[in-house]
């Protein structure tokens, strides 16, 4: 085993062609399908517990790579190793083993299907397509045994794959996941609430089984329409493409932005027209939502909190001042973001104008300036 490699589970191929020496060449494609499946499941697990992130970290997929390092006798026993394990530094401690977790989730799903319980809630629906492709080369008398002799042992057969294919054709799935958005209505008597999703701005109906969750829902409900963005740990009905259709139950709820960030937005929302010595337009909810989307993106990319100020014309200015230079964004009332950076050392300037939805490009501009000017 390589110095920077480690075993990634164990396989044993039995029956049919696998009772003969060697490995059929067509089976090699299964290892590539399995690698893609692990990445898809890991991506789903990561997103399920990081509601504020728009995407997984850069380099997520490339940080995971499998190699077939040996084929042992005893039917056919392929030895898979994960290489580049030092890439775990890409994640914090909570996510360092996300690919290993994905491997276990795949095997748990196989076990659940065999026991007649169907696809578990924690299995990411978008990964079902790759799941249904895995095992394509298996024949009726052949099986793949995972982690034989261990508590995680499970077998994969052609019959199990047919059940996965049936599940993959469904339009809706029940899944336990994190969902970000705003609580915009609560009816405690009916056990329902309305939730505006951060992605897509769609309002979906939510249910809750415990009255204990009502105070939390009402805490984050703001009738002025500046409800803070929160992450709900929920049981939801979701499409295979990841669209939340309905929230079935709420397990917990917490704010997404740090309190001091969201409190500052609330302060700006409460400013009345004329706040600046009789002048100064009121900052609209629309502008504040655009600012919040930017702040969520910055939080996602671990950009430090900026100073946040209202502008005379109803916009919001974000500033990152440093001894060597500064970076400034101005979110305007016409959906534009005016980006500016200035070097105090050589008077070099850079300015660009973005549409506020160009979150990645804006973040790249800010990170570039901070990297250059930060002490």
Protein backbone atom coordinates (compact mmCIF):
# COMPACT_ATOMS: atom_id res chain seq x y z
CA UNK A 1 0.00 0.00 0.00
CA UNK A 2 1.34 3.42 -0.95
CA UNK A 3 2.68 5.85 1.63
CA UNK A 4 -0.22 8.22 0.99
CA UNK A 5 -2.91 5.56 0.47
CA UNK A 6 -5.24 3.51 2.59
CA UNK A 7 -7.72 0.70 2.03
CA UNK A 8 -11.22 1.80 1.10
CA UNK A 9 -13.53 -0.96 2.27
CA UNK A 10 -13.26 -4.45 0.81
CA UNK A 11 -14.93 -6.27 -2.08
CA UNK A 12 -15.36 -9.92 -2.94
CA UNK A 13 -16.82 -10.92 -6.33
CA UNK A 14 -18.57 -14.31 -6.35
CA UNK A 15 -20.45 -16.55 -8.75
CA UNK A 16 -20.48 -16.94 -12.53
CA UNK A 17 -17.38 -15.54 -14.19
CA UNK A 18 -15.75 -14.79 -10.83
CA UNK A 19 -15.27 -18.46 -10.02
CA UNK A 20 -12.57 -18.53 -12.70
CA UNK A 21 -9.08 -17.03 -12.31
CA UNK A 22 -8.63 -13.40 -13.28
CA UNK A 23 -10.96 -10.40 -13.58
CA UNK A 24 -13.17 -9.87 -16.66
CA UNK A 25 -12.05 -6.68 -18.40
CA UNK A 26 -15.61 -5.32 -18.71
CA UNK A 27 -15.86 -5.27 -14.92
CA UNK A 28 -13.19 -2.58 -14.67
CA UNK A 29 -15.85 0.01 -15.54
CA UNK A 30 -17.64 -0.86 -12.27
CA UNK A 31 -14.80 0.62 -10.24
CA UNK A 32 -15.14 3.94 -12.09
CA UNK A 33 -18.92 3.90 -11.51
CA UNK A 34 -18.37 3.17 -7.84
CA UNK A 35 -15.90 6.04 -7.51
CA UNK A 36 -18.43 8.45 -9.08
CA UNK A 37 -21.16 7.09 -6.79
CA UNK A 38 -19.06 7.69 -3.66
CA UNK A 39 -18.35 11.28 -4.76
CA UNK A 40 -22.06 11.92 -5.50
CA UNK A 41 -23.15 10.56 -2.12
CA UNK A 42 -20.39 12.46 -0.29
CA UNK A 43 -21.42 15.67 -2.06
CA UNK A 44 -25.02 15.11 -0.94
CA UNK A 45 -24.01 14.40 2.66
CA UNK A 46 -21.88 17.55 2.72
CA UNK A 47 -24.73 19.71 1.42
CA UNK A 48 -27.21 18.16 3.83
CA UNK A 49 -25.28 19.52 6.80
CA UNK A 50 -24.11 22.81 5.28
CA UNK A 51 -27.30 24.62 4.37
CA UNK A 52 -25.51 27.96 3.99
CA UNK A 53 -23.12 26.70 1.32
CA UNK A 54 -24.11 27.15 -2.31
CA UNK A 55 -21.74 24.35 -3.35
CA UNK A 56 -19.11 21.97 -2.03
CA UNK A 57 -15.53 23.28 -1.57
CA UNK A 58 -13.36 23.67 -4.64
CA UNK A 59 -11.40 20.51 -5.30
CA UNK A 60 -14.04 18.34 -3.57
CA UNK A 61 -14.29 15.64 -6.24
CA UNK A 62 -10.60 15.68 -7.15
CA UNK A 63 -9.66 15.11 -3.50
CA UNK A 64 -11.05 11.58 -3.76
CA UNK A 65 -9.41 9.00 -6.00
CA UNK A 66 -9.51 5.18 -5.96
CA UNK A 67 -6.91 2.80 -7.36
CA UNK A 68 -7.16 -0.92 -7.96
CA UNK A 69 -3.91 -1.99 -6.31
CA UNK A 70 -4.28 -5.78 -6.28
CA UNK A 71 -6.54 -8.70 -7.23
CA UNK A 72 -6.37 -11.54 -4.73
CA UNK A 73 -7.61 -15.10 -5.03
CA UNK A 74 -10.69 -16.51 -3.31
CA UNK A 75 -13.30 -16.00 -6.04
CA UNK A 76 -12.08 -12.53 -7.06
CA UNK A 77 -11.00 -10.07 -4.35
CA UNK A 78 -10.13 -6.64 -5.77
CA UNK A 79 -8.18 -4.38 -3.41
CA UNK A 80 -9.22 -0.74 -3.58
CA UNK A 81 -7.12 2.02 -2.08
CA UNK A 82 -7.96 5.65 -1.61
CA UNK A 83 -5.08 7.85 -2.69
CA UNK A 84 -4.38 11.46 -1.78
CA UNK A 85 -5.78 11.07 1.73
CA UNK A 86 -3.88 14.17 2.85
CA UNK A 87 -6.60 16.06 0.94
CA UNK A 88 -8.67 15.67 4.11
CA UNK A 89 -7.11 19.03 4.97
CA UNK A 90 -9.68 20.45 2.53
CA UNK A 91 -12.35 19.95 5.21
CA UNK A 92 -12.75 20.67 8.90
CA UNK A 93 -12.84 17.84 11.44
CA UNK A 94 -16.57 17.28 10.99
CA UNK A 95 -16.20 16.58 7.26
CA UNK A 96 -12.76 14.99 7.10
CA UNK A 97 -14.23 11.49 6.69
CA UNK A 98 -17.13 12.41 4.41
CA UNK A 99 -16.04 9.95 1.69
CA UNK A 100 -15.74 7.12 4.20
CA UNK A 101 -19.20 8.08 5.48
CA UNK A 102 -20.48 7.93 1.91
CA UNK A 103 -19.14 4.38 1.55
CA UNK A 104 -21.06 3.32 4.67
CA UNK A 105 -24.23 5.12 3.55
CA UNK A 106 -24.12 3.22 0.24
CA UNK A 107 -23.85 -0.10 2.07
CA UNK A 108 -26.58 0.90 4.54
CA UNK A 109 -28.84 1.71 1.59
CA UNK A 110 -28.18 -1.71 0.04
CA UNK A 111 -29.01 -3.38 3.35
CA UNK A 112 -32.19 -1.33 3.75
CA UNK A 113 -33.36 -2.28 0.25
CA UNK A 114 -32.68 -5.96 0.89
CA UNK A 115 -34.68 -5.80 4.12
CA UNK A 116 -37.63 -4.26 2.30
CA UNK A 117 -37.35 -0.80 3.88
CA UNK A 118 -36.44 1.04 0.67
CA UNK A 119 -33.98 3.92 0.28
CA UNK A 120 -33.04 5.49 3.66
CA UNK A 121 -33.82 9.16 4.29
CA UNK A 122 -30.18 10.16 4.48
CA UNK A 123 -29.38 8.87 0.98
CA UNK A 124 -29.03 11.89 -1.37
CA UNK A 125 -31.70 11.58 -4.11
CA UNK A 126 -29.47 13.10 -6.82
CA UNK A 127 -27.04 10.18 -6.34
CA UNK A 128 -29.70 7.60 -7.25
CA UNK A 129 -28.97 7.89 -10.96
CA UNK A 130 -25.33 6.88 -10.44
CA UNK A 131 -26.45 4.26 -7.92
CA UNK A 132 -28.70 2.65 -10.55
CA UNK A 133 -25.79 2.53 -13.03
CA UNK A 134 -23.44 0.80 -10.62
CA UNK A 135 -23.45 -2.98 -11.06
CA UNK A 136 -24.44 -2.82 -14.73
CA UNK A 137 -22.05 -5.69 -15.60
CA UNK A 138 -23.44 -8.06 -12.94
CA UNK A 139 -25.13 -11.21 -14.23
CA UNK A 140 -27.95 -13.07 -12.53
CA UNK A 141 -25.67 -15.56 -10.76
CA UNK A 142 -23.05 -12.99 -9.66
CA UNK A 143 -22.79 -10.89 -6.50
CA UNK A 144 -20.54 -8.25 -4.98
CA UNK A 145 -19.89 -8.69 -1.26
CA UNK A 146 -18.87 -5.54 0.63
CA UNK A 147 -16.84 -5.79 3.86
CA UNK A 148 -17.47 -9.50 4.21
CA UNK A 149 -17.29 -10.68 7.84
CA UNK A 150 -17.71 -7.19 9.32
CA UNK A 151 -20.78 -5.47 10.86
CA UNK A 152 -21.11 -3.44 7.64
CA UNK A 153 -21.19 -6.53 5.42
CA UNK A 154 -23.79 -6.49 2.63
CA UNK A 155 -24.20 -8.03 -0.83
CA UNK A 156 -25.17 -6.42 -4.10
CA UNK A 157 -27.06 -8.42 -6.71
CA UNK A 158 -28.86 -7.85 -9.98
CA UNK A 159 -32.19 -8.04 -8.11
CA UNK A 160 -31.14 -5.26 -5.71
CA UNK A 161 -30.03 -3.11 -8.65
CA UNK A 162 -33.50 -3.46 -10.23
CA UNK A 163 -35.06 -2.11 -7.02
CA UNK A 164 -32.67 0.86 -7.08
CA UNK A 165 -33.61 1.56 -10.71
CA UNK A 166 -37.28 1.61 -9.73
CA UNK A 167 -36.54 4.08 -6.95
CA UNK A 168 -34.49 6.27 -9.31
CA UNK A 169 -37.52 6.66 -11.58
CA UNK A 170 -39.63 8.19 -8.79
CA UNK A 171 -40.34 11.92 -8.91
CA UNK A 172 -40.35 12.56 -5.16
CA UNK A 173 -38.37 11.33 -2.17
CA UNK A 174 -38.57 11.77 1.57
CA UNK A 175 -35.21 12.95 2.87
CA UNK A 176 -33.75 14.31 6.10
CA UNK A 177 -31.71 17.39 5.26
CA UNK A 178 -30.87 21.01 6.08
CA UNK A 179 -32.89 23.68 4.27
CA UNK A 180 -32.11 27.40 4.35
CA UNK A 181 -34.65 30.19 4.01
CA UNK A 182 -36.98 32.49 5.96
CA UNK A 183 -40.00 31.69 8.13
CA UNK A 184 -42.72 33.94 6.67
CA UNK A 185 -45.81 32.57 8.40
CA UNK A 186 -46.73 30.33 11.35
CA UNK A 187 -50.08 28.77 12.27
CA UNK A 188 -49.55 26.99 15.58
CA UNK A 189 -53.16 25.75 15.74
CA UNK A 190 -52.89 23.99 12.39
CA UNK A 191 -49.32 22.77 12.92
CA UNK A 192 -48.08 24.42 9.69
CA UNK A 193 -45.80 27.26 8.64
CA UNK A 194 -44.68 28.95 5.44
CA UNK A 195 -41.02 28.92 4.48
CA UNK A 196 -39.36 30.97 1.73
CA UNK A 197 -36.45 29.00 0.30
CA UNK A 198 -33.14 30.82 -0.13
CA UNK A 199 -32.57 29.12 -3.47
CA UNK A 200 -35.28 30.09 -5.92
CA UNK A 201 -37.20 32.35 -3.50
CA UNK A 202 -40.12 29.88 -3.60
CA UNK A 203 -42.46 29.60 -0.59
CA UNK A 204 -43.24 26.02 0.50
CA UNK A 205 -45.61 24.66 3.11
CA UNK A 206 -44.06 23.20 6.26
CA UNK A 207 -45.44 20.94 8.99
CA UNK A 208 -44.22 20.21 12.50
CA UNK A 209 -45.17 17.37 14.83
CA UNK A 210 -43.97 18.88 18.12
CA UNK A 211 -45.39 22.08 19.63
CA UNK A 212 -41.95 22.64 21.17
CA UNK A 213 -40.74 23.94 17.81
CA UNK A 214 -43.36 26.76 17.70
CA UNK A 215 -41.37 29.26 19.85
CA UNK A 216 -38.32 28.75 17.62
CA UNK A 217 -40.35 29.28 14.45
CA UNK A 218 -41.95 32.43 15.87
CA UNK A 219 -38.58 33.70 17.10
CA UNK A 220 -37.34 33.84 13.51
CA UNK A 221 -40.65 35.04 12.04
CA UNK A 222 -40.51 38.74 11.18
CA UNK A 223 -43.75 40.26 9.88
CA UNK A 224 -41.76 43.16 8.45
CA UNK A 225 -40.48 40.65 5.81
CA UNK A 226 -36.89 40.91 7.06
CA UNK A 227 -36.99 37.49 8.67
CA UNK A 228 -33.42 36.21 9.18
CA UNK A 229 -32.21 33.36 7.02
CA UNK A 230 -32.28 30.17 9.05
CA UNK A 231 -31.30 26.54 8.53
CA UNK A 232 -34.02 24.01 9.31
CA UNK A 233 -33.04 20.42 9.99
CA UNK A 234 -36.11 18.88 8.41
CA UNK A 235 -37.75 15.81 6.97
CA UNK A 236 -38.72 17.05 3.51
CA UNK A 237 -40.23 15.89 0.25
CA UNK A 238 -37.63 16.55 -2.43
CA UNK A 239 -37.37 15.93 -6.16
CA UNK A 240 -34.54 13.88 -7.58
CA UNK A 241 -33.06 17.17 -8.85
CA UNK A 242 -32.83 18.50 -5.29
CA UNK A 243 -35.89 20.80 -5.32
CA UNK A 244 -37.70 20.97 -1.96
CA UNK A 245 -41.43 20.44 -2.51
CA UNK A 246 -42.74 20.34 1.06
CA UNK A 247 -41.41 20.16 4.62
CA UNK A 248 -42.89 17.19 6.46
CA UNK A 249 -41.43 17.86 9.92
CA UNK A 250 -38.96 20.16 11.69
CA UNK A 251 -36.27 18.64 13.89
CA UNK A 252 -34.38 21.83 14.77
CA UNK A 253 -33.86 25.40 13.58
CA UNK A 254 -30.97 27.87 13.87
CA UNK A 255 -29.79 31.08 12.14
CA UNK A 256 -27.42 30.75 9.18
CA UNK A 257 -25.59 34.07 9.36
CA UNK A 258 -23.70 34.88 12.56
CA UNK A 259 -25.91 36.92 14.88
CA UNK A 260 -23.82 40.10 14.56
CA UNK A 261 -24.13 39.95 10.76
CA UNK A 262 -27.93 39.49 10.70
CA UNK A 263 -28.40 42.06 13.50
CA UNK A 264 -26.58 44.63 11.38
CA UNK A 265 -28.93 43.97 8.45
CA UNK A 266 -31.90 44.41 10.79
CA UNK A 267 -30.49 47.75 11.93
CA UNK A 268 -30.27 48.91 8.33
CA UNK A 269 -33.81 47.70 7.67
CA UNK A 270 -35.10 49.79 10.59
CA UNK A 271 -33.58 53.03 9.26
CA UNK A 272 -36.25 55.49 8.20
CA UNK A 273 -36.05 57.86 5.23
CA UNK A 274 -34.00 60.94 6.13
CA UNK A 275 -31.68 59.02 8.44
CA UNK A 276 -28.68 61.13 7.31
CA UNK A 277 -29.38 64.66 8.58
CA UNK A 278 -32.73 64.77 6.85
CA UNK A 279 -31.59 63.03 3.67
CA UNK A 280 -30.82 59.41 2.94
CA UNK A 281 -33.20 56.93 1.30
CA UNK A 282 -34.56 53.98 3.23
CA UNK A 283 -32.78 50.70 2.44
CA UNK A 284 -35.32 48.37 0.84
CA UNK A 285 -35.89 44.73 1.74
CA UNK A 286 -34.87 43.85 -1.84
CA UNK A 287 -31.43 45.45 -1.45
CA UNK A 288 -30.94 43.84 1.97
CA UNK A 289 -31.77 40.40 0.56
CA UNK A 290 -29.16 40.95 -2.14
CA UNK A 291 -26.64 41.94 0.53
CA UNK A 292 -27.57 38.87 2.57
CA UNK A 293 -26.97 36.63 -0.46
CA UNK A 294 -23.50 38.14 -0.80
CA UNK A 295 -22.76 37.69 2.91
CA UNK A 296 -23.86 34.04 2.72
CA UNK A 297 -21.50 33.56 -0.22
CA UNK A 298 -18.67 35.21 1.73
CA UNK A 299 -19.40 33.01 4.74
CA UNK A 300 -19.39 30.03 2.38
CA UNK A 301 -15.91 30.97 1.14
CA UNK A 302 -14.64 31.90 4.63
CA UNK A 303 -14.28 35.59 3.78
CA UNK A 304 -14.09 37.67 6.95
CA UNK A 305 -17.00 39.92 7.91
CA UNK A 306 -16.92 43.33 6.24
CA UNK A 307 -17.96 46.64 7.73
CA UNK A 308 -21.56 47.24 6.61
CA UNK A 309 -22.93 50.76 5.98
CA UNK A 310 -26.04 52.26 4.37
CA UNK A 311 -25.54 54.66 1.48
CA UNK A 312 -27.35 57.93 0.95
CA UNK A 313 -29.04 56.57 -2.20
CA UNK A 314 -30.63 53.52 -0.55
CA UNK A 315 -27.82 51.07 -1.19
CA UNK A 316 -25.44 49.22 1.12
CA UNK A 317 -21.64 49.45 1.20
CA UNK A 318 -19.35 46.62 2.34
CA UNK A 319 -15.77 47.49 3.26
CA UNK A 320 -12.58 45.54 4.00
CA UNK A 321 -9.93 48.11 5.01
CA UNK A 322 -6.27 47.12 5.51
CA UNK A 323 -3.03 49.01 6.02
CA UNK A 324 -1.89 48.15 2.48
CA UNK A 325 -5.19 48.78 0.72
CA UNK A 326 -8.92 48.30 0.80
CA UNK A 327 -11.75 46.51 -0.97
CA UNK A 328 -15.23 48.01 -1.24
CA UNK A 329 -18.54 46.77 -2.65
CA UNK A 330 -21.58 48.98 -3.10
CA UNK A 331 -24.90 47.20 -3.63
CA UNK A 332 -27.16 49.66 -5.48
CA UNK A 333 -30.93 49.93 -5.83
CA UNK A 334 -30.75 48.84 -9.50
CA UNK A 335 -29.38 45.31 -8.74
CA UNK A 336 -25.78 46.28 -9.47
CA UNK A 337 -22.69 45.73 -7.33
CA UNK A 338 -19.95 48.29 -7.83
CA UNK A 339 -16.65 46.68 -6.80
CA UNK A 340 -13.54 48.73 -6.07
CA UNK A 341 -10.06 47.98 -4.72
CA UNK A 342 -7.24 50.40 -4.00
CA UNK A 343 -3.58 49.81 -3.15
CA UNK A 344 -2.16 52.36 -0.71
CA UNK A 345 1.38 51.36 -1.63
CA UNK A 346 1.34 52.23 -5.34
CA UNK A 347 -2.06 53.97 -5.80
CA UNK A 348 -3.17 51.13 -8.09
CA UNK A 349 -6.95 50.92 -8.52
CA UNK A 350 -9.32 48.31 -9.85
CA UNK A 351 -13.04 48.67 -10.36
CA UNK A 352 -15.74 46.50 -11.87
CA UNK A 353 -19.52 46.42 -12.00
CA UNK A 354 -21.43 43.17 -11.54
CA UNK A 355 -25.05 42.09 -11.42
CA UNK A 356 -25.70 41.09 -7.81
CA UNK A 357 -26.41 37.48 -8.85
CA UNK A 358 -22.79 37.07 -10.07
CA UNK A 359 -21.92 35.85 -6.59
CA UNK A 360 -18.89 33.76 -7.55
CA UNK A 361 -17.32 36.54 -9.63
CA UNK A 362 -17.91 39.13 -6.89
CA UNK A 363 -16.43 36.82 -4.26
CA UNK A 364 -13.40 36.16 -6.46
CA UNK A 365 -12.84 39.94 -6.76
CA UNK A 366 -13.07 40.40 -2.97
CA UNK A 367 -10.79 37.45 -2.16
CA UNK A 368 -8.22 38.71 -4.68
CA UNK A 369 -8.10 42.12 -2.99
CA UNK A 370 -8.05 40.74 0.54
CA UNK A 371 -5.26 38.31 -0.34
CA UNK A 372 -3.19 41.22 -1.67
CA UNK A 373 -3.86 43.78 1.05
CA UNK A 374 -4.35 41.78 4.25
CA UNK A 375 -1.52 42.02 6.77
